[in-house]
PDB file of N, CA and C in Angstrom:
ATOM      1  N   MET A   1       0.809  -1.198  -0.062  1.00  0.00           N
ATOM      2  CA  MET A   1      -0.017   0.023  -0.017  1.00  0.00           C
ATOM      3  C   MET A   1       0.894   1.236   0.016  1.00  0.00           C
ATOM      4  N   ALA A   2       0.394   2.370  -0.432  1.00  0.00           N
ATOM      5  CA  ALA A   2       1.026   3.622  -0.566  1.00  0.00           C
ATOM      6  C   ALA A   2       0.330   4.606   0.387  1.00  0.00           C
ATOM      7  N   THR A   3       0.967   5.725   0.542  1.00  0.00           N
ATOM      8  CA  THR A   3       0.320   6.835   1.284  1.00  0.00           C
ATOM      9  C   THR A   3       0.279   8.114   0.454  1.00  0.00           C
ATOM     10  N   LEU A   4      -0.323   9.128   0.932  1.00  0.00           N
ATOM     11  CA  LEU A   4      -0.438  10.423   0.164  1.00  0.00           C
ATOM     12  C   LEU A   4       0.945  10.937  -0.210  1.00  0.00           C
ATOM     13  N   LEU A   5       1.900  10.733   0.643  1.00  0.00           N
ATOM     14  CA  LEU A   5       3.230  11.322   0.326  1.00  0.00           C
ATOM     15  C   LEU A   5       3.948  10.545  -0.860  1.00  0.00           C
ATOM     16  N   ASP A   6       3.508   9.372  -1.121  1.00  0.00           N
ATOM     17  CA  ASP A   6       3.991   8.646  -2.269  1.00  0.00           C
ATOM     18  C   ASP A   6       3.435   9.267  -3.584  1.00  0.00           C
ATOM     19  N   TYR A   7       2.267   9.858  -3.442  1.00  0.00           N
ATOM     20  CA  TYR A   7       1.600  10.502  -4.634  1.00  0.00           C
ATOM     21  C   TYR A   7       1.908  12.005  -4.686  1.00  0.00           C
ATOM     22  N   CYS A   8       2.060  12.614  -3.571  1.00  0.00           N
ATOM     23  CA  CYS A   8       2.116  14.118  -3.418  1.00  0.00           C
ATOM     24  C   CYS A   8       3.483  14.641  -2.876  1.00  0.00           C
ATOM     25  N   SER A   9       3.843  15.780  -3.487  1.00  0.00           N
ATOM     26  CA  SER A   9       5.040  16.454  -2.923  1.00  0.00           C
ATOM     27  C   SER A   9       4.668  17.376  -1.856  1.00  0.00           C
ATOM     28  N   LEU A  10       3.414  17.814  -1.788  1.00  0.00           N
ATOM     29  CA  LEU A  10       2.930  18.669  -0.687  1.00  0.00           C
ATOM     30  C   LEU A  10       1.481  18.314  -0.385  1.00  0.00           C
ATOM     31  N   VAL A  11       1.262  18.049   0.873  1.00  0.00           N
ATOM     32  CA  VAL A  11      -0.157  17.959   1.464  1.00  0.00           C
ATOM     33  C   VAL A  11      -0.124  18.919   2.519  1.00  0.00           C
ATOM     34  N   ARG A  12      -1.170  19.850   2.410  1.00  0.00           N
ATOM     35  CA  ARG A  12      -1.257  20.950   3.450  1.00  0.00           C
ATOM     36  C   ARG A  12      -2.730  21.248   3.736  1.00  0.00           C
ATOM     37  N   SER A  13      -2.934  21.922   4.873  1.00  0.00           N
ATOM     38  CA  SER A  13      -4.293  22.458   5.176  1.00  0.00           C
ATOM     39  C   SER A  13      -4.049  23.848   5.663  1.00  0.00           C
ATOM     40  N   LYS A  14      -5.069  24.702   5.435  1.00  0.00           N
ATOM     41  CA  LYS A  14      -4.919  26.145   5.898  1.00  0.00           C
ATOM     42  C   LYS A  14      -6.331  26.711   5.947  1.00  0.00           C
ATOM     43  N   ASN A  15      -6.442  27.877   6.481  1.00  0.00           N
ATOM     44  CA  ASN A  15      -7.652  28.623   6.572  1.00  0.00           C
ATOM     45  C   ASN A  15      -7.965  29.233   5.115  1.00  0.00           C
ATOM     46  N   ALA A  16      -9.245  29.265   4.760  1.00  0.00           N
ATOM     47  CA  ALA A  16      -9.703  29.936   3.679  1.00  0.00           C
ATOM     48  C   ALA A  16     -10.748  30.900   4.178  1.00  0.00           C
ATOM     49  N   GLY A  17     -10.390  31.674   5.158  1.00  0.00           N
ATOM     50  CA  GLY A  17     -11.206  32.580   5.920  1.00  0.00           C
ATOM     51  C   GLY A  17     -11.534  31.949   7.257  1.00  0.00           C
ATOM     52  N   PRO A  18     -12.235  32.645   8.067  1.00  0.00           N
ATOM     53  CA  PRO A  18     -12.473  32.069   9.468  1.00  0.00           C
ATOM     54  C   PRO A  18     -13.504  30.972   9.585  1.00  0.00           C
ATOM     55  N   PHE A  19     -14.236  30.656   8.510  1.00  0.00           N
ATOM     56  CA  PHE A  19     -15.270  29.654   8.625  1.00  0.00           C
ATOM     57  C   PHE A  19     -14.925  28.439   7.733  1.00  0.00           C
ATOM     58  N   THR A  20     -13.867  28.523   6.876  1.00  0.00           N
ATOM     59  CA  THR A  20     -13.626  27.575   5.864  1.00  0.00           C
ATOM     60  C   THR A  20     -12.162  26.948   5.996  1.00  0.00           C
ATOM     61  N   LEU A  21     -12.079  25.666   5.793  1.00  0.00           N
ATOM     62  CA  LEU A  21     -10.798  25.034   5.829  1.00  0.00           C
ATOM     63  C   LEU A  21     -10.493  24.518   4.358  1.00  0.00           C
ATOM     64  N   THR A  22      -9.348  24.628   3.916  1.00  0.00           N
ATOM     65  CA  THR A  22      -8.975  24.120   2.613  1.00  0.00           C
ATOM     66  C   THR A  22      -7.766  23.142   2.753  1.00  0.00           C
ATOM     67  N   LEU A  23      -7.832  22.042   2.044  1.00  0.00           N
ATOM     68  CA  LEU A  23      -6.733  21.139   1.996  1.00  0.00           C
ATOM     69  C   LEU A  23      -6.228  21.057   0.489  1.00  0.00           C
ATOM     70  N   ASP A  24      -4.933  21.029   0.390  1.00  0.00           N
ATOM     71  CA  ASP A  24      -4.269  20.962  -0.985  1.00  0.00           C
ATOM     72  C   ASP A  24      -3.468  19.712  -1.081  1.00  0.00           C
ATOM     73  N   PHE A  25      -3.514  19.087  -2.098  1.00  0.00           N
ATOM     74  CA  PHE A  25      -2.733  17.831  -2.472  1.00  0.00           C
ATOM     75  C   PHE A  25      -2.135  18.068  -3.810  1.00  0.00           C
ATOM     76  N   MET A  26      -0.774  18.315  -3.800  1.00  0.00           N
ATOM     77  CA  MET A  26       0.004  18.656  -5.013  1.00  0.00           C
ATOM     78  C   MET A  26       0.815  17.438  -5.383  1.00  0.00           C
ATOM     79  N   CYS A  27       0.534  16.896  -6.504  1.00  0.00           N
ATOM     80  CA  CYS A  27       1.251  15.614  -6.946  1.00  0.00           C
ATOM     81  C   CYS A  27       2.710  15.869  -7.537  1.00  0.00           C
ATOM     82  N   HIS A  28       3.406  14.832  -7.481  1.00  0.00           N
ATOM     83  CA  HIS A  28       4.802  14.940  -7.945  1.00  0.00           C
ATOM     84  C   HIS A  28       4.880  15.223  -9.492  1.00  0.00           C
ATOM     85  N   ASP A  29       4.007  14.605 -10.175  1.00  0.00           N
ATOM     86  CA  ASP A  29       4.072  14.656 -11.654  1.00  0.00           C
ATOM     87  C   ASP A  29       2.706  14.300 -12.286  1.00  0.00           C
ATOM     88  N   GLN A  30       2.625  14.362 -13.536  1.00  0.00           N
ATOM     89  CA  GLN A  30       1.361  14.005 -14.260  1.00  0.00           C
ATOM     90  C   GLN A  30       0.960  12.608 -13.969  1.00  0.00           C
ATOM     91  N   HIS A  31       1.889  11.724 -13.974  1.00  0.00           N
ATOM     92  CA  HIS A  31       1.549  10.300 -13.739  1.00  0.00           C
ATOM     93  C   HIS A  31       0.917  10.116 -12.342  1.00  0.00           C
ATOM     94  N   THR A  32       1.553  10.628 -11.359  1.00  0.00           N
ATOM     95  CA  THR A  32       0.961  10.457  -9.985  1.00  0.00           C
ATOM     96  C   THR A  32      -0.264  11.244  -9.780  1.00  0.00           C
ATOM     97  N   TYR A  33      -0.453  12.406 -10.476  1.00  0.00           N
ATOM     98  CA  TYR A  33      -1.752  13.096 -10.412  1.00  0.00           C
ATOM     99  C   TYR A  33      -2.895  12.222 -10.982  1.00  0.00           C
ATOM    100  N   GLU A  34      -2.673  11.740 -12.132  1.00  0.00           N
ATOM    101  CA  GLU A  34      -3.577  10.821 -12.801  1.00  0.00           C
ATOM    102  C   GLU A  34      -3.940   9.596 -11.966  1.00  0.00           C
ATOM    103  N   ALA A  35      -2.901   9.007 -11.376  1.00  0.00           N
ATOM    104  CA  ALA A  35      -3.082   7.829 -10.493  1.00  0.00           C
ATOM    105  C   ALA A  35      -3.887   8.223  -9.259  1.00  0.00           C
ATOM    106  N   LEU A  36      -3.630   9.376  -8.615  1.00  0.00           N
ATOM    107  CA  LEU A  36      -4.279   9.740  -7.425  1.00  0.00           C
ATOM    108  C   LEU A  36      -5.782  10.073  -7.744  1.00  0.00           C
ATOM    109  N   THR A  37      -6.070  10.791  -8.831  1.00  0.00           N
ATOM    110  CA  THR A  37      -7.463  11.112  -9.080  1.00  0.00           C
ATOM    111  C   THR A  37      -8.266   9.924  -9.550  1.00  0.00           C
ATOM    112  N   SER A  38      -7.565   8.995 -10.187  1.00  0.00           N
ATOM    113  CA  SER A  38      -8.250   7.764 -10.662  1.00  0.00           C
ATOM    114  C   SER A  38      -8.652   6.846  -9.453  1.00  0.00           C
ATOM    115  N   THR A  39      -7.969   6.980  -8.320  1.00  0.00           N
ATOM    116  CA  THR A  39      -8.390   6.127  -7.092  1.00  0.00           C
ATOM    117  C   THR A  39      -9.731   6.627  -6.635  1.00  0.00           C
ATOM    118  N   GLY A  40     -10.060   7.854  -6.850  1.00  0.00           N
ATOM    119  CA  GLY A  40     -11.355   8.398  -6.333  1.00  0.00           C
ATOM    120  C   GLY A  40     -11.405   8.474  -4.802  1.00  0.00           C
ATOM    121  N   ILE A  41     -10.290   8.348  -4.151  1.00  0.00           N
ATOM    122  CA  ILE A  41     -10.277   8.289  -2.668  1.00  0.00           C
ATOM    123  C   ILE A  41     -10.496   9.721  -2.035  1.00  0.00           C
ATOM    124  N   LEU A  42      -9.963  10.669  -2.679  1.00  0.00           N
ATOM    125  CA  LEU A  42     -10.284  12.071  -2.176  1.00  0.00           C
ATOM    126  C   LEU A  42     -11.636  12.540  -2.602  1.00  0.00           C
ATOM    127  N   ASN A  43     -12.619  12.054  -1.868  1.00  0.00           N
ATOM    128  CA  ASN A  43     -14.006  12.384  -2.242  1.00  0.00           C
ATOM    129  C   ASN A  43     -14.720  12.952  -1.015  1.00  0.00           C
ATOM    130  N   ARG A  44     -15.924  13.467  -1.263  1.00  0.00           N
ATOM    131  CA  ARG A  44     -16.668  14.209  -0.216  1.00  0.00           C
ATOM    132  C   ARG A  44     -16.984  13.220   0.930  1.00  0.00           C
ATOM    133  N   THR A  45     -17.261  11.956   0.650  1.00  0.00           N
ATOM    134  CA  THR A  45     -17.580  11.025   1.730  1.00  0.00           C
ATOM    135  C   THR A  45     -16.462  10.899   2.722  1.00  0.00           C
ATOM    136  N   LEU A  46     -15.218  10.809   2.202  1.00  0.00           N
ATOM    137  CA  LEU A  46     -14.038  10.675   3.100  1.00  0.00           C
ATOM    138  C   LEU A  46     -13.898  11.833   4.002  1.00  0.00           C
ATOM    139  N   PHE A  47     -14.071  13.139   3.455  1.00  0.00           N
ATOM    140  CA  PHE A  47     -13.847  14.377   4.227  1.00  0.00           C
ATOM    141  C   PHE A  47     -15.057  14.585   5.136  1.00  0.00           C
ATOM    142  N   ALA A  48     -16.225  14.214   4.792  1.00  0.00           N
ATOM    143  CA  ALA A  48     -17.382  14.264   5.670  1.00  0.00           C
ATOM    144  C   ALA A  48     -17.152  13.444   6.932  1.00  0.00           C
ATOM    145  N   GLY A  49     -16.628  12.208   6.758  1.00  0.00           N
ATOM    146  CA  GLY A  49     -16.344  11.359   7.838  1.00  0.00           C
ATOM    147  C   GLY A  49     -15.298  11.795   8.773  1.00  0.00           C
ATOM    148  N   LEU A  50     -14.156  12.343   8.228  1.00  0.00           N
ATOM    149  CA  LEU A  50     -13.036  12.836   8.916  1.00  0.00           C
ATOM    150  C   LEU A  50     -13.298  14.065   9.683  1.00  0.00           C
ATOM    151  N   PHE A  51     -14.159  14.983   9.117  1.00  0.00           N
ATOM    152  CA  PHE A  51     -14.265  16.249   9.707  1.00  0.00           C
ATOM    153  C   PHE A  51     -15.754  16.445  10.208  1.00  0.00           C
ATOM    154  N   ASP A  52     -16.532  15.373  10.324  1.00  0.00           N
ATOM    155  CA  ASP A  52     -17.867  15.446  10.854  1.00  0.00           C
ATOM    156  C   ASP A  52     -18.723  16.584  10.337  1.00  0.00           C
ATOM    157  N   THR A  53     -18.843  16.564   9.039  1.00  0.00           N
ATOM    158  CA  THR A  53     -19.669  17.607   8.327  1.00  0.00           C
ATOM    159  C   THR A  53     -20.452  16.952   7.247  1.00  0.00           C
ATOM    160  N   SER A  54     -21.403  17.599   6.656  1.00  0.00           N
ATOM    161  CA  SER A  54     -22.212  17.107   5.627  1.00  0.00           C
ATOM    162  C   SER A  54     -21.445  17.098   4.311  1.00  0.00           C
ATOM    163  N   GLU A  55     -21.675  16.057   3.499  1.00  0.00           N
ATOM    164  CA  GLU A  55     -21.052  15.949   2.141  1.00  0.00           C
ATOM    165  C   GLU A  55     -21.488  17.069   1.295  1.00  0.00           C
ATOM    166  N   ASN A  56     -22.672  17.634   1.536  1.00  0.00           N
ATOM    167  CA  ASN A  56     -23.139  18.772   0.737  1.00  0.00           C
ATOM    168  C   ASN A  56     -22.405  20.032   0.912  1.00  0.00           C
ATOM    169  N   GLU A  57     -21.609  20.036   2.023  1.00  0.00           N
ATOM    170  CA  GLU A  57     -20.812  21.286   2.358  1.00  0.00           C
ATOM    171  C   GLU A  57     -19.388  21.199   1.926  1.00  0.00           C
ATOM    172  N   ILE A  58     -19.042  20.164   1.204  1.00  0.00           N
ATOM    173  CA  ILE A  58     -17.689  19.927   0.777  1.00  0.00           C
ATOM    174  C   ILE A  58     -17.494  20.110  -0.620  1.00  0.00           C
ATOM    175  N   LEU A  59     -16.422  20.756  -1.061  1.00  0.00           N
ATOM    176  CA  LEU A  59     -16.161  20.922  -2.473  1.00  0.00           C
ATOM    177  C   LEU A  59     -14.775  20.301  -2.727  1.00  0.00           C
ATOM    178  N   VAL A  60     -14.748  19.403  -3.717  1.00  0.00           N
ATOM    179  CA  VAL A  60     -13.528  18.735  -4.194  1.00  0.00           C
ATOM    180  C   VAL A  60     -13.297  19.170  -5.623  1.00  0.00           C
ATOM    181  N   VAL A  61     -12.193  19.874  -5.832  1.00  0.00           N
ATOM    182  CA  VAL A  61     -11.852  20.373  -7.207  1.00  0.00           C
ATOM    183  C   VAL A  61     -10.528  19.748  -7.659  1.00  0.00           C
ATOM    184  N   ASN A  62     -10.555  19.112  -8.789  1.00  0.00           N
ATOM    185  CA  ASN A  62      -9.282  18.638  -9.458  1.00  0.00           C
ATOM    186  C   ASN A  62      -8.707  19.731 -10.375  1.00  0.00           C
ATOM    187  N   HIS A  63      -7.466  19.985 -10.263  1.00  0.00           N
ATOM    188  CA  HIS A  63      -6.825  21.035 -11.068  1.00  0.00           C
ATOM    189  C   HIS A  63      -5.755  20.341 -11.885  1.00  0.00           C
ATOM    190  N   PRO A  64      -6.067  19.796 -13.062  1.00  0.00           N
ATOM    191  CA  PRO A  64      -5.096  19.013 -13.833  1.00  0.00           C
ATOM    192  C   PRO A  64      -3.827  19.834 -14.250  1.00  0.00           C
ATOM    193  N   HIS A  65      -4.072  21.096 -14.605  1.00  0.00           N
ATOM    194  CA  HIS A  65      -2.916  21.888 -15.049  1.00  0.00           C
ATOM    195  C   HIS A  65      -1.896  22.126 -13.851  1.00  0.00           C
ATOM    196  N   ALA A  66      -2.389  22.218 -12.672  1.00  0.00           N
ATOM    197  CA  ALA A  66      -1.583  22.440 -11.484  1.00  0.00           C
ATOM    198  C   ALA A  66      -1.155  21.049 -10.826  1.00  0.00           C
ATOM    199  N   LEU A  67      -1.627  19.966 -11.407  1.00  0.00           N
ATOM    200  CA  LEU A  67      -1.342  18.654 -10.803  1.00  0.00           C
ATOM    201  C   LEU A  67      -1.770  18.587  -9.346  1.00  0.00           C
ATOM    202  N   ALA A  68      -2.901  19.164  -8.996  1.00  0.00           N
ATOM    203  CA  ALA A  68      -3.373  19.319  -7.654  1.00  0.00           C
ATOM    204  C   ALA A  68      -4.849  19.047  -7.512  1.00  0.00           C
ATOM    205  N   VAL A  69      -5.224  18.577  -6.173  1.00  0.00           N
ATOM    206  CA  VAL A  69      -6.613  18.514  -5.846  1.00  0.00           C
ATOM    207  C   VAL A  69      -6.760  19.443  -4.680  1.00  0.00           C
ATOM    208  N   LYS A  70      -7.844  20.249  -4.650  1.00  0.00           N
ATOM    209  CA  LYS A  70      -8.175  21.132  -3.595  1.00  0.00           C
ATOM    210  C   LYS A  70      -9.528  20.711  -3.023  1.00  0.00           C
ATOM    211  N   VAL A  71      -9.586  20.717  -1.667  1.00  0.00           N
ATOM    212  CA  VAL A  71     -10.771  20.409  -0.937  1.00  0.00           C
ATOM    213  C   VAL A  71     -11.040  21.502   0.047  1.00  0.00           C
ATOM    214  N   SER A  72     -12.365  21.976  -0.069  1.00  0.00           N
ATOM    215  CA  SER A  72     -12.789  23.027   0.853  1.00  0.00           C
ATOM    216  C   SER A  72     -13.974  22.598   1.647  1.00  0.00           C
ATOM    217  N   LEU A  73     -14.048  22.887   2.922  1.00  0.00           N
ATOM    218  CA  LEU A  73     -15.183  22.447   3.797  1.00  0.00           C
ATOM    219  C   LEU A  73     -15.266  23.440   4.986  1.00  0.00           C
ATOM    220  N   PRO A  74     -16.334  23.404   5.734  1.00  0.00           N
ATOM    221  CA  PRO A  74     -16.400  24.233   6.907  1.00  0.00           C
ATOM    222  C   PRO A  74     -15.374  23.857   7.977  1.00  0.00           C
ATOM    223  N   ARG A  75     -14.821  24.850   8.659  1.00  0.00           N
ATOM    224  CA  ARG A  75     -13.834  24.508   9.741  1.00  0.00           C
ATOM    225  C   ARG A  75     -14.632  23.858  10.844  1.00  0.00           C
ATOM    226  N   PRO A  76     -14.040  22.855  11.561  1.00  0.00           N
ATOM    227  CA  PRO A  76     -14.613  22.199  12.678  1.00  0.00           C
ATOM    228  C   PRO A  76     -15.075  23.224  13.818  1.00  0.00           C
ATOM    229  N   SER A  77     -14.377  24.324  13.925  1.00  0.00           N
ATOM    230  CA  SER A  77     -14.846  25.424  14.758  1.00  0.00           C
ATOM    231  C   SER A  77     -14.337  26.664  14.104  1.00  0.00           C
ATOM    232  N   VAL A  78     -15.077  27.771  14.361  1.00  0.00           N
ATOM    233  CA  VAL A  78     -14.727  29.096  13.733  1.00  0.00           C
ATOM    234  C   VAL A  78     -13.290  29.469  14.245  1.00  0.00           C
ATOM    235  N   GLN A  79     -12.527  30.005  13.289  1.00  0.00           N
ATOM    236  CA  GLN A  79     -11.152  30.444  13.720  1.00  0.00           C
ATOM    237  C   GLN A  79     -11.174  31.416  14.791  1.00  0.00           C
ATOM    238  N   GLY A  80     -10.370  31.085  15.893  1.00  0.00           N
ATOM    239  CA  GLY A  80     -10.300  31.889  17.071  1.00  0.00           C
ATOM    240  C   GLY A  80     -11.257  31.655  18.058  1.00  0.00           C
ATOM    241  N   ASP A  81     -12.272  30.768  17.869  1.00  0.00           N
ATOM    242  CA  ASP A  81     -13.212  30.355  18.853  1.00  0.00           C
ATOM    243  C   ASP A  81     -12.449  29.717  20.024  1.00  0.00           C
ATOM    244  N   GLN A  82     -13.102  29.773  21.197  1.00  0.00           N
ATOM    245  CA  GLN A  82     -12.416  29.202  22.419  1.00  0.00           C
ATOM    246  C   GLN A  82     -12.180  27.684  22.274  1.00  0.00           C
ATOM    247  N   HIS A  83     -12.898  26.995  21.387  1.00  0.00           N
ATOM    248  CA  HIS A  83     -12.672  25.591  21.142  1.00  0.00           C
ATOM    249  C   HIS A  83     -11.846  25.281  19.923  1.00  0.00           C
ATOM    250  N   ASP A  84     -11.346  26.246  19.319  1.00  0.00           N
ATOM    251  CA  ASP A  84     -10.479  26.124  18.106  1.00  0.00           C
ATOM    252  C   ASP A  84      -9.088  25.683  18.613  1.00  0.00           C
ATOM    253  N   SER A  85      -8.667  24.545  18.277  1.00  0.00           N
ATOM    254  CA  SER A  85      -7.354  23.931  18.668  1.00  0.00           C
ATOM    255  C   SER A  85      -6.255  24.199  17.679  1.00  0.00           C
ATOM    256  N   ASP A  86      -6.605  24.761  16.516  1.00  0.00           N
ATOM    257  CA  ASP A  86      -5.675  25.020  15.443  1.00  0.00           C
ATOM    258  C   ASP A  86      -6.004  26.230  14.680  1.00  0.00           C
ATOM    259  N   CYS A  87      -5.652  27.414  15.247  1.00  0.00           N
ATOM    260  CA  CYS A  87      -6.030  28.770  14.727  1.00  0.00           C
ATOM    261  C   CYS A  87      -5.734  28.981  13.214  1.00  0.00           C
ATOM    262  N   TYR A  88      -4.554  28.458  12.752  1.00  0.00           N
ATOM    263  CA  TYR A  88      -4.232  28.553  11.387  1.00  0.00           C
ATOM    264  C   TYR A  88      -4.627  27.393  10.497  1.00  0.00           C
ATOM    265  N   ALA A  89      -5.273  26.404  11.072  1.00  0.00           N
ATOM    266  CA  ALA A  89      -5.641  25.081  10.374  1.00  0.00           C
ATOM    267  C   ALA A  89      -4.492  24.433   9.671  1.00  0.00           C
ATOM    268  N   GLY A  90      -3.395  24.692  10.191  1.00  0.00           N
ATOM    269  CA  GLY A  90      -2.149  24.036   9.516  1.00  0.00           C
ATOM    270  C   GLY A  90      -1.933  22.641   9.896  1.00  0.00           C
ATOM    271  N   GLN A  91      -2.654  22.093  10.848  1.00  0.00           N
ATOM    272  CA  GLN A  91      -2.534  20.715  11.214  1.00  0.00           C
ATOM    273  C   GLN A  91      -3.677  19.769  10.902  1.00  0.00           C
ATOM    274  N   GLN A  92      -4.640  20.335  10.221  1.00  0.00           N
ATOM    275  CA  GLN A  92      -5.868  19.614   9.868  1.00  0.00           C
ATOM    276  C   GLN A  92      -5.667  18.462   8.925  1.00  0.00           C
ATOM    277  N   TYR A  93      -4.656  18.482   8.118  1.00  0.00           N
ATOM    278  CA  TYR A  93      -4.370  17.439   7.228  1.00  0.00           C
ATOM    279  C   TYR A  93      -3.822  16.132   7.912  1.00  0.00           C
ATOM    280  N   ALA A  94      -3.388  16.210   9.103  1.00  0.00           N
ATOM    281  CA  ALA A  94      -2.714  15.064   9.809  1.00  0.00           C
ATOM    282  C   ALA A  94      -3.516  13.779   9.717  1.00  0.00           C
ATOM    283  N   PRO A  95      -4.880  13.727   9.974  1.00  0.00           N
ATOM    284  CA  PRO A  95      -5.586  12.379   9.910  1.00  0.00           C
ATOM    285  C   PRO A  95      -5.388  11.742   8.492  1.00  0.00           C
ATOM    286  N   LEU A  96      -5.072  12.485   7.410  1.00  0.00           N
ATOM    287  CA  LEU A  96      -4.981  12.001   6.168  1.00  0.00           C
ATOM    288  C   LEU A  96      -3.631  11.251   5.818  1.00  0.00           C
ATOM    289  N   MET A  97      -2.671  11.553   6.691  1.00  0.00           N
ATOM    290  CA  MET A  97      -1.358  10.919   6.421  1.00  0.00           C
ATOM    291  C   MET A  97      -1.154   9.490   6.515  1.00  0.00           C
ATOM    292  N   GLU A  98      -2.125   8.835   7.218  1.00  0.00           N
ATOM    293  CA  GLU A  98      -2.048   7.400   7.351  1.00  0.00           C
ATOM    294  C   GLU A  98      -3.022   6.727   6.434  1.00  0.00           C
ATOM    295  N   LEU A  99      -3.615   7.515   5.568  1.00  0.00           N
ATOM    296  CA  LEU A  99      -4.615   6.996   4.596  1.00  0.00           C
ATOM    297  C   LEU A  99      -3.941   6.025   3.628  1.00  0.00           C
ATOM    298  N   GLN A 100      -4.452   4.841   3.506  1.00  0.00           N
ATOM    299  CA  GLN A 100      -3.822   3.822   2.650  1.00  0.00           C
ATOM    300  C   GLN A 100      -4.416   3.924   1.274  1.00  0.00           C
ATOM    301  N   LEU A 101      -3.538   4.024   0.245  1.00  0.00           N
ATOM    302  CA  LEU A 101      -3.860   4.149  -1.103  1.00  0.00           C
ATOM    303  C   LEU A 101      -3.209   2.918  -1.882  1.00  0.00           C
ATOM    304  N   PRO A 102      -3.772   2.692  -3.033  1.00  0.00           N
ATOM    305  CA  PRO A 102      -3.180   1.573  -3.892  1.00  0.00           C
ATOM    306  C   PRO A 102      -1.689   2.035  -4.305  1.00  0.00           C
ATOM    307  N   GLU A 103      -0.845   1.080  -4.551  1.00  0.00           N
ATOM    308  CA  GLU A 103       0.478   1.411  -5.113  1.00  0.00           C
ATOM    309  C   GLU A 103       0.328   2.142  -6.434  1.00  0.00           C
ATOM    310  N   ILE A 104       1.238   3.055  -6.616  1.00  0.00           N
ATOM    311  CA  ILE A 104       1.189   3.876  -7.879  1.00  0.00           C
ATOM    312  C   ILE A 104       1.572   2.876  -9.028  1.00  0.00           C
ATOM    313  N   PRO A 105       0.667   2.784 -10.045  1.00  0.00           N
ATOM    314  CA  PRO A 105       0.966   1.948 -11.164  1.00  0.00           C
ATOM    315  C   PRO A 105       2.260   2.367 -11.920  1.00  0.00           C
ATOM    316  N   CYS A 106       2.947   1.529 -12.518  1.00  0.00           N
ATOM    317  CA  CYS A 106       4.054   1.921 -13.322  1.00  0.00           C
ATOM    318  C   CYS A 106       3.685   2.676 -14.546  1.00  0.00           C
ATOM    319  N   ALA A 107       4.506   3.706 -14.837  1.00  0.00           N
ATOM    320  CA  ALA A 107       4.237   4.528 -15.991  1.00  0.00           C
ATOM    321  C   ALA A 107       4.396   3.825 -17.366  1.00  0.00           C
TER     322      ALA A 107
END
């Protein structure tokens, strides 16, 4: 099995305003981008389960020219709220790092 870091040169999360979290998955090259998107694993169901939100509130966008996938969803708590444990949302990608993916097929 592979992980996201086998497919991606960068996996990050950050704020997209005080109410929205965005996650970026930037692939090593065209081959790994196509392999990642063909798995279908980065989908609304996955993120709804991980972040306890409705699938209807999640946007998954594939950017083939940038070799990237961007996911936007409501923050678990509003930025700066007393229950916000990650003000910059820089650690929200962490649960995805153990995600098991199929091995990257040979080019």
